[in-house]
Amino acid sequence: MQDPEPFTKRPRVLIADDHSIVAEGLRSLLEKSCEVVGLVQDGRQLLVEAPKLKPDVIVLDIGMPLLNGLDAAARVKESVPGTKFVFLTMQDDANIAAAALDLGAVGYVLKHAATSELLKAVSEVLQGRSYVTPKLRSDDWATRKARARQSSKELTPRQQEVLQLLAEGRPMKEIADILQVSEKTVMFHKYQIMGSFNLKNNSELVLFALKRHLISS
């Protein structure tokens, strides 16, 4: 892999990862060539901070608490349209990479990759190009992206939120407070999901969320 081209100016980068050691390590690596404007630890904190900080690039994990990285990125894209995304993840799954690519020009890098690969991804997305780690190169990303879109249509955005929070083991009242809805509404969505996908108990609900990569194992 070729070395990334040097940045013409220091891009503003926001880091989103729920593991403090990882986030601080990323800060140390990126500060050599970027301006790190902040660190956040969950998807909902990212929704709050991104519009304030207006970063050029967000380097984010996919498996974050409260709101996963893919859904958080989709919302940030609406509120801060110019922001680019580089997903840094343990998920070496081409289908998840395809779902990320559905957001536009993004980077998808595995956490054990070399620093140069992360910087390459940042450089590429700033120039409006996608970057996917060579390990996950696909011969037919269009097919994978279509499949990812089809899969995501089976749950509404609100159902995805409720499912993730339930699978994280959060109580109904806490979920209602996070989503600013009533506990009855949370309960309604829970049983809609369970009924639609023939899930019989909370264990099956958690497994369902794992299969959809809404939570990490």
C-alpha atoms as a PDB file:
ATOM      1  CA  MET A   1       0.000   0.000   0.000  1.00  0.00           C
ATOM      2  CA  GLN A   2       1.293   3.448  -0.905  1.00  0.00           C
ATOM      3  CA  ASP A   3       1.961   5.946   1.850  1.00  0.00           C
ATOM      4  CA  PRO A   4      -0.885   8.454   2.277  1.00  0.00           C
ATOM      5  CA  GLU A   5      -0.384  11.838   0.694  1.00  0.00           C
ATOM      6  CA  PRO A   6       0.442  14.570   3.242  1.00  0.00           C
ATOM      7  CA  PHE A   7      -2.514  16.761   4.163  1.00  0.00           C
ATOM      8  CA  THR A   8      -2.472  20.265   2.664  1.00  0.00           C
ATOM      9  CA  LYS A   9      -3.903  21.492   5.973  1.00  0.00           C
ATOM     10  CA  ARG A  10      -4.488  19.773   9.293  1.00  0.00           C
ATOM     11  CA  PRO A  11      -7.990  18.238   9.120  1.00  0.00           C
ATOM     12  CA  ARG A  12     -10.239  18.587  12.158  1.00  0.00           C
ATOM     13  CA  VAL A  13     -10.960  15.110  13.519  1.00  0.00           C
ATOM     14  CA  LEU A  14     -13.492  13.960  16.107  1.00  0.00           C
ATOM     15  CA  ILE A  15     -12.917  10.508  17.653  1.00  0.00           C
ATOM     16  CA  ALA A  16     -15.851   8.345  18.786  1.00  0.00           C
ATOM     17  CA  ASP A  17     -14.997   5.131  20.656  1.00  0.00           C
ATOM     18  CA  ASP A  18     -16.317   3.790  23.946  1.00  0.00           C
ATOM     19  CA  HIS A  19     -12.929   2.349  24.962  1.00  0.00           C
ATOM     20  CA  SER A  20     -10.927   5.148  26.568  1.00  0.00           C
ATOM     21  CA  ILE A  21      -7.539   3.507  25.977  1.00  0.00           C
ATOM     22  CA  VAL A  22      -8.315   3.066  22.274  1.00  0.00           C
ATOM     23  CA  ALA A  23      -9.592   6.643  21.967  1.00  0.00           C
ATOM     24  CA  GLU A  24      -6.515   8.108  23.680  1.00  0.00           C
ATOM     25  CA  GLY A  25      -4.241   5.959  21.519  1.00  0.00           C
ATOM     26  CA  LEU A  26      -5.998   7.236  18.412  1.00  0.00           C
ATOM     27  CA  ARG A  27      -5.613  10.802  19.632  1.00  0.00           C
ATOM     28  CA  SER A  28      -1.858  10.318  20.023  1.00  0.00           C
ATOM     29  CA  LEU A  29      -1.552   8.814  16.534  1.00  0.00           C
ATOM     30  CA  LEU A  30      -3.715  11.366  14.764  1.00  0.00           C
ATOM     31  CA  GLU A  31      -2.415  14.485  16.501  1.00  0.00           C
ATOM     32  CA  LYS A  32       0.820  14.193  14.516  1.00  0.00           C
ATOM     33  CA  SER A  33      -0.996  15.169  11.311  1.00  0.00           C
ATOM     34  CA  CYS A  34      -4.519  16.213  12.340  1.00  0.00           C
ATOM     35  CA  GLU A  35      -6.238  18.543  14.784  1.00  0.00           C
ATOM     36  CA  VAL A  36      -8.193  16.312  17.172  1.00  0.00           C
ATOM     37  CA  VAL A  37     -11.135  18.459  18.259  1.00  0.00           C
ATOM     38  CA  GLY A  38     -12.764  16.027  20.686  1.00  0.00           C
ATOM     39  CA  LEU A  39     -13.419  12.518  21.974  1.00  0.00           C
ATOM     40  CA  VAL A  40     -16.859  11.011  22.606  1.00  0.00           C
ATOM     41  CA  GLN A  41     -17.774   7.627  24.048  1.00  0.00           C
ATOM     42  CA  ASP A  42     -21.194   6.758  22.632  1.00  0.00           C
ATOM     43  CA  GLY A  43     -23.383   7.342  19.603  1.00  0.00           C
ATOM     44  CA  ARG A  44     -25.746   9.790  21.259  1.00  0.00           C
ATOM     45  CA  GLN A  45     -22.927  11.936  22.590  1.00  0.00           C
ATOM     46  CA  LEU A  46     -21.646  12.030  19.019  1.00  0.00           C
ATOM     47  CA  LEU A  47     -25.000  13.419  17.830  1.00  0.00           C
ATOM     48  CA  VAL A  48     -24.646  16.267  20.323  1.00  0.00           C
ATOM     49  CA  GLU A  49     -20.979  17.116  19.803  1.00  0.00           C
ATOM     50  CA  ALA A  50     -20.617  16.813  16.020  1.00  0.00           C
ATOM     51  CA  PRO A  51     -22.843  19.839  15.178  1.00  0.00           C
ATOM     52  CA  LYS A  52     -20.949  21.912  17.773  1.00  0.00           C
ATOM     53  CA  LEU A  53     -17.432  20.928  16.710  1.00  0.00           C
ATOM     54  CA  LYS A  54     -18.071  20.612  12.944  1.00  0.00           C
ATOM     55  CA  PRO A  55     -15.178  18.207  12.288  1.00  0.00           C
ATOM     56  CA  ASP A  56     -13.897  17.483   8.798  1.00  0.00           C
ATOM     57  CA  VAL A  57     -13.692  13.786   9.646  1.00  0.00           C
ATOM     58  CA  ILE A  58     -15.159  11.566  12.351  1.00  0.00           C
ATOM     59  CA  VAL A  59     -13.186   8.420  13.183  1.00  0.00           C
ATOM     60  CA  LEU A  60     -15.695   6.147  14.865  1.00  0.00           C
ATOM     61  CA  ASP A  61     -16.298   2.612  16.048  1.00  0.00           C
ATOM     62  CA  ILE A  62     -19.365   0.714  14.855  1.00  0.00           C
ATOM     63  CA  GLY A  63     -20.194  -1.098  18.102  1.00  0.00           C
ATOM     64  CA  MET A  64     -20.859   1.885  20.383  1.00  0.00           C
ATOM     65  CA  PRO A  65     -23.364   1.970  23.261  1.00  0.00           C
ATOM     66  CA  LEU A  66     -26.687   3.854  23.155  1.00  0.00           C
ATOM     67  CA  LEU A  67     -26.522   4.256  19.364  1.00  0.00           C
ATOM     68  CA  ASN A  68     -24.313   2.241  17.027  1.00  0.00           C
ATOM     69  CA  GLY A  69     -21.821   3.946  14.738  1.00  0.00           C
ATOM     70  CA  LEU A  70     -23.690   3.327  11.477  1.00  0.00           C
ATOM     71  CA  ASP A  71     -26.942   4.848  12.709  1.00  0.00           C
ATOM     72  CA  ALA A  72     -25.107   7.702  14.443  1.00  0.00           C
ATOM     73  CA  ALA A  73     -23.185   8.510  11.253  1.00  0.00           C
ATOM     74  CA  ALA A  74     -26.386   8.562   9.206  1.00  0.00           C
ATOM     75  CA  ARG A  75     -27.865  11.149  11.579  1.00  0.00           C
ATOM     76  CA  VAL A  76     -24.724  13.267  11.768  1.00  0.00           C
ATOM     77  CA  LYS A  77     -24.650  13.306   7.971  1.00  0.00           C
ATOM     78  CA  GLU A  78     -28.048  15.024   8.051  1.00  0.00           C
ATOM     79  CA  SER A  79     -27.078  17.631  10.671  1.00  0.00           C
ATOM     80  CA  VAL A  80     -23.476  18.251   9.496  1.00  0.00           C
ATOM     81  CA  PRO A  81     -23.564  17.368   5.764  1.00  0.00           C
ATOM     82  CA  GLY A  82     -19.907  18.118   5.016  1.00  0.00           C
ATOM     83  CA  THR A  83     -18.500  15.723   7.603  1.00  0.00           C
ATOM     84  CA  LYS A  84     -16.686  12.604   6.385  1.00  0.00           C
ATOM     85  CA  PHE A  85     -16.533   9.270   8.230  1.00  0.00           C
ATOM     86  CA  VAL A  86     -13.849   6.664   8.798  1.00  0.00           C
ATOM     87  CA  PHE A  87     -15.106   3.562  10.570  1.00  0.00           C
ATOM     88  CA  LEU A  88     -12.400   1.914  12.693  1.00  0.00           C
ATOM     89  CA  THR A  89     -13.719  -1.436  13.843  1.00  0.00           C
ATOM     90  CA  MET A  90     -13.074  -5.054  14.776  1.00  0.00           C
ATOM     91  CA  GLN A  91     -15.871  -6.135  12.402  1.00  0.00           C
ATOM     92  CA  ASP A  92     -14.125  -7.760   9.418  1.00  0.00           C
ATOM     93  CA  ASP A  93     -17.455  -8.323   7.683  1.00  0.00           C
ATOM     94  CA  ALA A  94     -17.873  -7.211   4.062  1.00  0.00           C
ATOM     95  CA  ASN A  95     -21.632  -6.845   4.520  1.00  0.00           C
ATOM     96  CA  ILE A  96     -21.130  -4.312   7.329  1.00  0.00           C
ATOM     97  CA  ALA A  97     -18.569  -2.501   5.189  1.00  0.00           C
ATOM     98  CA  ALA A  98     -21.171  -2.403   2.414  1.00  0.00           C
ATOM     99  CA  ALA A  99     -23.708  -0.865   4.804  1.00  0.00           C
ATOM    100  CA  ALA A 100     -21.117   1.767   5.726  1.00  0.00           C
ATOM    101  CA  LEU A 101     -20.441   2.499   2.047  1.00  0.00           C
ATOM    102  CA  ASP A 102     -24.143   3.190   1.586  1.00  0.00           C
ATOM    103  CA  LEU A 103     -23.482   6.430   3.501  1.00  0.00           C
ATOM    104  CA  GLY A 104     -21.316   7.720   0.649  1.00  0.00           C
ATOM    105  CA  ALA A 105     -17.546   8.258   0.527  1.00  0.00           C
ATOM    106  CA  VAL A 106     -16.405   6.653   3.784  1.00  0.00           C
ATOM    107  CA  GLY A 107     -13.421   4.775   5.130  1.00  0.00           C
ATOM    108  CA  TYR A 108     -13.595   1.288   6.631  1.00  0.00           C
ATOM    109  CA  VAL A 109     -10.458   0.204   8.494  1.00  0.00           C
ATOM    110  CA  LEU A 110      -9.864  -2.664  10.919  1.00  0.00           C
ATOM    111  CA  LYS A 111      -8.528  -1.800  14.373  1.00  0.00           C
ATOM    112  CA  HIS A 112      -5.439  -3.964  13.993  1.00  0.00           C
ATOM    113  CA  ALA A 113      -4.413  -2.164  10.776  1.00  0.00           C
ATOM    114  CA  ALA A 114      -1.261  -0.057  10.539  1.00  0.00           C
ATOM    115  CA  THR A 115      -1.427   3.654  11.329  1.00  0.00           C
ATOM    116  CA  SER A 116      -0.587   4.415   7.686  1.00  0.00           C
ATOM    117  CA  GLU A 117      -3.805   2.683   6.603  1.00  0.00           C
ATOM    118  CA  LEU A 118      -5.912   4.834   8.912  1.00  0.00           C
ATOM    119  CA  LEU A 119      -4.238   7.992   7.610  1.00  0.00           C
ATOM    120  CA  LYS A 120      -4.749   6.759   4.050  1.00  0.00           C
ATOM    121  CA  ALA A 121      -8.474   6.349   4.755  1.00  0.00           C
ATOM    122  CA  VAL A 122      -8.691   9.861   6.223  1.00  0.00           C
ATOM    123  CA  SER A 123      -6.885  11.269   3.176  1.00  0.00           C
ATOM    124  CA  GLU A 124      -9.155   9.417   0.733  1.00  0.00           C
ATOM    125  CA  VAL A 125     -12.459  10.459   2.315  1.00  0.00           C
ATOM    126  CA  LEU A 126     -11.325  14.093   2.476  1.00  0.00           C
ATOM    127  CA  GLN A 127     -10.905  13.888  -1.299  1.00  0.00           C
ATOM    128  CA  GLY A 128     -14.391  12.436  -1.709  1.00  0.00           C
ATOM    129  CA  ARG A 129     -13.296   8.840  -2.254  1.00  0.00           C
ATOM    130  CA  SER A 130     -14.132   5.709  -0.279  1.00  0.00           C
ATOM    131  CA  TYR A 131     -11.458   3.531   1.260  1.00  0.00           C
ATOM    132  CA  VAL A 132     -12.038  -0.083   2.342  1.00  0.00           C
ATOM    133  CA  THR A 133      -9.274  -2.097   3.967  1.00  0.00           C
ATOM    134  CA  PRO A 134      -7.783  -4.436   1.316  1.00  0.00           C
ATOM    135  CA  LYS A 135      -8.730  -7.452   3.432  1.00  0.00           C
ATOM    136  CA  LEU A 136     -12.398  -6.790   2.656  1.00  0.00           C
ATOM    137  CA  ARG A 137     -12.198  -5.876  -1.010  1.00  0.00           C
ATOM    138  CA  SER A 138     -15.307  -7.171  -2.755  1.00  0.00           C
ATOM    139  CA  ASP A 139     -15.813  -7.948  -6.435  1.00  0.00           C
ATOM    140  CA  ASP A 140     -19.382  -6.698  -6.271  1.00  0.00           C
ATOM    141  CA  TRP A 141     -19.964  -3.949  -3.670  1.00  0.00           C
ATOM    142  CA  ALA A 142     -23.166  -2.879  -5.449  1.00  0.00           C
ATOM    143  CA  THR A 143     -24.778  -6.237  -4.718  1.00  0.00           C
ATOM    144  CA  ARG A 144     -23.642  -6.171  -1.108  1.00  0.00           C
ATOM    145  CA  LYS A 145     -24.886  -2.603  -0.652  1.00  0.00           C
ATOM    146  CA  ALA A 146     -28.294  -3.509  -2.083  1.00  0.00           C
ATOM    147  CA  ARG A 147     -28.477  -6.481   0.272  1.00  0.00           C
ATOM    148  CA  ALA A 148     -27.553  -4.279   3.244  1.00  0.00           C
ATOM    149  CA  ARG A 149     -30.263  -1.757   2.315  1.00  0.00           C
ATOM    150  CA  GLN A 150     -32.851  -4.504   1.981  1.00  0.00           C
ATOM    151  CA  SER A 151     -31.953  -5.921   5.375  1.00  0.00           C
ATOM    152  CA  SER A 152     -32.145  -2.521   7.073  1.00  0.00           C
ATOM    153  CA  LYS A 153     -35.684  -1.958   5.748  1.00  0.00           C
ATOM    154  CA  GLU A 154     -37.026  -4.713   7.965  1.00  0.00           C
ATOM    155  CA  LEU A 155     -36.701  -2.531  11.075  1.00  0.00           C
ATOM    156  CA  THR A 156     -37.720   1.111  11.384  1.00  0.00           C
ATOM    157  CA  PRO A 157     -35.088   3.524  12.759  1.00  0.00           C
ATOM    158  CA  ARG A 158     -37.013   3.705  16.052  1.00  0.00           C
ATOM    159  CA  GLN A 159     -37.186  -0.083  16.285  1.00  0.00           C
ATOM    160  CA  GLN A 160     -33.407  -0.264  15.750  1.00  0.00           C
ATOM    161  CA  GLU A 161     -32.894   2.205  18.594  1.00  0.00           C
ATOM    162  CA  VAL A 162     -35.167   0.283  20.930  1.00  0.00           C
ATOM    163  CA  LEU A 163     -33.645  -3.060  19.962  1.00  0.00           C
ATOM    164  CA  GLN A 164     -30.091  -1.883  20.615  1.00  0.00           C
ATOM    165  CA  LEU A 165     -30.940  -0.394  24.002  1.00  0.00           C
ATOM    166  CA  LEU A 166     -32.909  -3.480  25.056  1.00  0.00           C
ATOM    167  CA  ALA A 167     -30.066  -5.749  23.959  1.00  0.00           C
ATOM    168  CA  GLU A 168     -27.643  -3.656  26.025  1.00  0.00           C
ATOM    169  CA  GLY A 169     -29.750  -4.652  29.049  1.00  0.00           C
ATOM    170  CA  ARG A 170     -31.118  -1.209  29.825  1.00  0.00           C
ATOM    171  CA  PRO A 171     -34.361  -0.952  31.848  1.00  0.00           C
ATOM    172  CA  MET A 172     -37.557   0.255  30.195  1.00  0.00           C
ATOM    173  CA  LYS A 173     -37.549   3.532  32.143  1.00  0.00           C
ATOM    174  CA  GLU A 174     -33.981   4.347  31.111  1.00  0.00           C
ATOM    175  CA  ILE A 175     -34.761   3.583  27.460  1.00  0.00           C
ATOM    176  CA  ALA A 176     -37.869   5.785  27.642  1.00  0.00           C
ATOM    177  CA  ASP A 177     -35.780   8.626  29.111  1.00  0.00           C
ATOM    178  CA  ILE A 178     -33.056   8.261  26.453  1.00  0.00           C
ATOM    179  CA  LEU A 179     -35.560   8.255  23.588  1.00  0.00           C
ATOM    180  CA  GLN A 180     -37.875  10.788  25.278  1.00  0.00           C
ATOM    181  CA  VAL A 181     -40.933   8.582  24.898  1.00  0.00           C
ATOM    182  CA  SER A 182     -43.192   6.772  27.352  1.00  0.00           C
ATOM    183  CA  GLU A 183     -42.428   3.326  28.760  1.00  0.00           C
ATOM    184  CA  LYS A 184     -45.595   2.104  27.023  1.00  0.00           C
ATOM    185  CA  THR A 185     -44.140   3.193  23.690  1.00  0.00           C
ATOM    186  CA  VAL A 186     -40.924   1.290  24.394  1.00  0.00           C
ATOM    187  CA  MET A 187     -42.956  -1.773  25.356  1.00  0.00           C
ATOM    188  CA  PHE A 188     -45.020  -1.441  22.179  1.00  0.00           C
ATOM    189  CA  HIS A 189     -41.890  -1.400  19.992  1.00  0.00           C
ATOM    190  CA  LYS A 190     -40.358  -4.319  21.888  1.00  0.00           C
ATOM    191  CA  TYR A 191     -43.347  -6.569  21.285  1.00  0.00           C
ATOM    192  CA  GLN A 192     -43.712  -5.380  17.693  1.00  0.00           C
ATOM    193  CA  ILE A 193     -40.133  -6.510  17.073  1.00  0.00           C
ATOM    194  CA  MET A 194     -40.588  -9.796  18.907  1.00  0.00           C
ATOM    195  CA  GLY A 195     -43.821 -10.512  17.068  1.00  0.00           C
ATOM    196  CA  SER A 196     -42.505  -9.562  13.632  1.00  0.00           C
ATOM    197  CA  PHE A 197     -39.395 -11.730  13.929  1.00  0.00           C
ATOM    198  CA  ASN A 198     -40.837 -14.534  16.060  1.00  0.00           C
ATOM    199  CA  LEU A 199     -38.578 -13.841  19.037  1.00  0.00           C
ATOM    200  CA  LYS A 200     -39.781 -15.629  22.149  1.00  0.00           C
ATOM    201  CA  ASN A 201     -37.712 -14.102  24.956  1.00  0.00           C
ATOM    202  CA  ASN A 202     -35.045 -11.551  25.843  1.00  0.00           C
ATOM    203  CA  SER A 203     -32.216 -13.963  25.030  1.00  0.00           C
ATOM    204  CA  GLU A 204     -33.466 -14.317  21.465  1.00  0.00           C
ATOM    205  CA  LEU A 205     -33.833 -10.533  21.304  1.00  0.00           C
ATOM    206  CA  VAL A 206     -30.156 -10.122  22.245  1.00  0.00           C
ATOM    207  CA  LEU A 207     -29.068 -12.735  19.682  1.00  0.00           C
ATOM    208  CA  PHE A 208     -31.142 -10.951  17.042  1.00  0.00           C
ATOM    209  CA  ALA A 209     -29.381  -7.648  17.862  1.00  0.00           C
ATOM    210  CA  LEU A 210     -25.989  -9.388  17.686  1.00  0.00           C
ATOM    211  CA  LYS A 211     -26.749 -10.804  14.235  1.00  0.00           C
ATOM    212  CA  ARG A 212     -27.633  -7.313  13.058  1.00  0.00           C
ATOM    213  CA  HIS A 213     -24.422  -5.937  14.577  1.00  0.00           C
ATOM    214  CA  LEU A 214     -26.345  -3.444  16.715  1.00  0.00           C
ATOM    215  CA  ILE A 215     -24.294  -4.596  19.698  1.00  0.00           C
ATOM    216  CA  SER A 216     -20.881  -6.239  19.978  1.00  0.00           C
ATOM    217  CA  SER A 217     -20.360  -9.732  21.325  1.00  0.00           C
END
